[in-house]
Amino acid sequence: MTTDAMSHDIRTTPYWWDHAPRPAIPVDALPARADVIVIGSGYTGLHAALQTARGGRDTLVLDAEDAGWGCSTRNGGQISTSIKPGHAELVRRHGLERATQIVQEGRNSLAFIEAFV
């Protein structure tokens, strides 16, 4: 893809960062040791870090980008019950019982996140 196909005023950041900018987090030297190192500061990484820290482990979170750069803050991440492919295709592939279980697991995941938050 060439830049000729792009609009002259293309944005590479979400519009809401204009009014709710990401916090400036200083980059500190890495500690000499940690019990747990979590790579990635999205929903999954931060949830893992919270669990290990609450469990008494010295936990360090590392990310290649700034806080708030990735999917979790750009488009809401993947917290939903939306399962792809859809139920009809899941039934075709796996049968009614398994398809229903897959969809239910999406609902269970959403309920878990809601309770956790």
Protein backbone atom coordinates (compact mmCIF):
# COMPACT_ATOMS: atom_id res chain seq x y z
CA MET A 1 0.00 0.00 0.00
CA THR A 2 1.34 3.42 -0.89
CA THR A 3 0.73 6.66 0.93
CA ASP A 4 -1.07 7.93 -2.19
CA ALA A 5 -4.07 5.82 -1.16
CA MET A 6 -4.20 7.45 2.27
CA SER A 7 -6.07 10.58 3.19
CA HIS A 8 -3.89 13.63 3.74
CA ASP A 9 -5.26 14.02 7.27
CA ILE A 10 -5.08 10.38 8.41
CA ARG A 11 -4.86 9.89 12.17
CA THR A 12 -2.81 7.16 13.76
CA THR A 13 -4.19 7.73 17.25
CA PRO A 14 -7.75 7.45 18.60
CA TYR A 15 -9.73 10.68 18.71
CA TRP A 16 -10.49 10.29 22.42
CA TRP A 17 -6.80 10.63 23.29
CA ASP A 18 -7.23 14.34 22.47
CA HIS A 19 -9.39 14.74 25.57
CA ALA A 20 -8.26 11.78 27.66
CA PRO A 21 -4.55 11.45 26.96
CA ARG A 22 -2.56 8.46 28.10
CA PRO A 23 -0.66 9.00 31.33
CA ALA A 24 3.06 9.66 31.12
CA ILE A 25 4.68 6.78 32.97
CA PRO A 26 8.38 7.12 33.64
CA VAL A 27 10.66 4.37 32.41
CA ASP A 28 12.53 3.02 35.39
CA ALA A 29 15.51 0.73 35.47
CA LEU A 30 14.53 -2.93 35.57
CA PRO A 31 14.75 -4.56 38.98
CA ALA A 32 17.47 -7.12 39.60
CA ARG A 33 14.84 -9.81 40.16
CA ALA A 34 11.12 -10.50 40.07
CA ASP A 35 9.10 -13.57 40.95
CA VAL A 36 6.87 -13.13 37.89
CA ILE A 37 7.41 -11.19 34.68
CA VAL A 38 4.30 -10.56 32.57
CA ILE A 39 4.82 -9.54 28.96
CA GLY A 40 2.04 -7.26 27.74
CA SER A 41 -0.11 -4.74 29.56
CA GLY A 42 -3.46 -5.45 27.93
CA TYR A 43 -6.45 -7.01 29.68
CA THR A 44 -4.89 -10.46 29.89
CA GLY A 45 -1.45 -9.32 31.00
CA LEU A 46 -2.72 -6.93 33.66
CA HIS A 47 -5.19 -9.50 34.95
CA ALA A 48 -2.38 -12.05 35.29
CA ALA A 49 -0.20 -9.47 37.02
CA LEU A 50 -2.95 -8.56 39.48
CA GLN A 51 -3.51 -12.20 40.34
CA THR A 52 0.16 -12.95 40.93
CA ALA A 53 0.71 -9.71 42.89
CA ARG A 54 -2.34 -10.40 45.05
CA GLY A 55 -0.89 -13.86 45.60
CA GLY A 56 2.19 -12.28 47.15
CA ARG A 57 4.54 -12.52 44.18
CA ASP A 58 6.85 -9.68 43.21
CA THR A 59 5.37 -9.01 39.77
CA LEU A 60 6.81 -6.95 36.92
CA VAL A 61 4.82 -5.99 33.80
CA LEU A 62 6.72 -5.23 30.60
CA ASP A 63 5.32 -3.93 27.34
CA ALA A 64 6.98 -2.89 24.10
CA GLU A 65 4.79 0.21 23.85
CA ASP A 66 3.48 2.96 26.12
CA ALA A 67 0.70 2.25 28.57
CA GLY A 68 -2.62 2.42 26.78
CA TRP A 69 -1.18 1.91 23.32
CA GLY A 70 -2.71 -1.40 22.31
CA CYS A 71 -6.04 -3.03 21.62
CA SER A 72 -7.41 -2.70 25.15
CA THR A 73 -7.56 1.09 24.89
CA ARG A 74 -7.86 1.61 21.15
CA ASN A 75 -11.04 -0.33 20.41
CA GLY A 76 -12.15 -1.81 23.71
CA GLY A 77 -10.23 -5.02 23.34
CA GLN A 78 -12.13 -8.25 23.05
CA ILE A 79 -14.51 -8.18 25.99
CA SER A 80 -17.78 -9.40 24.57
CA THR A 81 -19.77 -12.56 24.01
CA SER A 82 -19.20 -12.30 20.29
CA ILE A 83 -17.99 -15.69 19.10
CA LYS A 84 -16.86 -16.17 15.55
CA PRO A 85 -17.91 -18.04 13.61
CA GLY A 86 -21.56 -17.64 14.54
CA HIS A 87 -23.72 -20.22 16.27
CA ALA A 88 -25.08 -21.74 13.05
CA GLU A 89 -21.58 -22.37 11.71
CA LEU A 90 -20.46 -23.74 15.06
CA VAL A 91 -23.40 -26.16 15.01
CA ARG A 92 -22.43 -27.28 11.52
CA ARG A 93 -18.82 -27.85 12.57
CA HIS A 94 -19.25 -29.25 16.06
CA GLY A 95 -22.89 -30.18 16.64
CA LEU A 96 -25.56 -28.41 18.69
CA GLU A 97 -24.31 -29.36 22.15
CA ARG A 98 -20.68 -28.30 21.60
CA ALA A 99 -21.72 -25.12 19.75
CA THR A 100 -23.98 -24.14 22.64
CA GLN A 101 -21.13 -24.80 25.09
CA ILE A 102 -18.78 -22.57 23.09
CA VAL A 103 -21.30 -19.70 23.07
CA GLN A 104 -21.96 -20.20 26.78
CA GLU A 105 -18.24 -19.99 27.50
CA GLY A 106 -18.25 -16.53 25.89
CA ARG A 107 -21.07 -15.51 28.22
CA ASN A 108 -19.23 -16.99 31.19
CA SER A 109 -16.12 -15.01 30.28
CA LEU A 110 -18.07 -11.77 30.14
CA ALA A 111 -19.69 -12.50 33.53
CA PHE A 112 -16.25 -13.23 34.99
CA ILE A 113 -14.84 -9.90 33.76
CA GLU A 114 -17.88 -8.03 35.07
CA ALA A 115 -17.51 -9.63 38.51
CA PHE A 116 -13.77 -9.03 38.53
CA VAL A 117 -14.05 -5.37 37.61
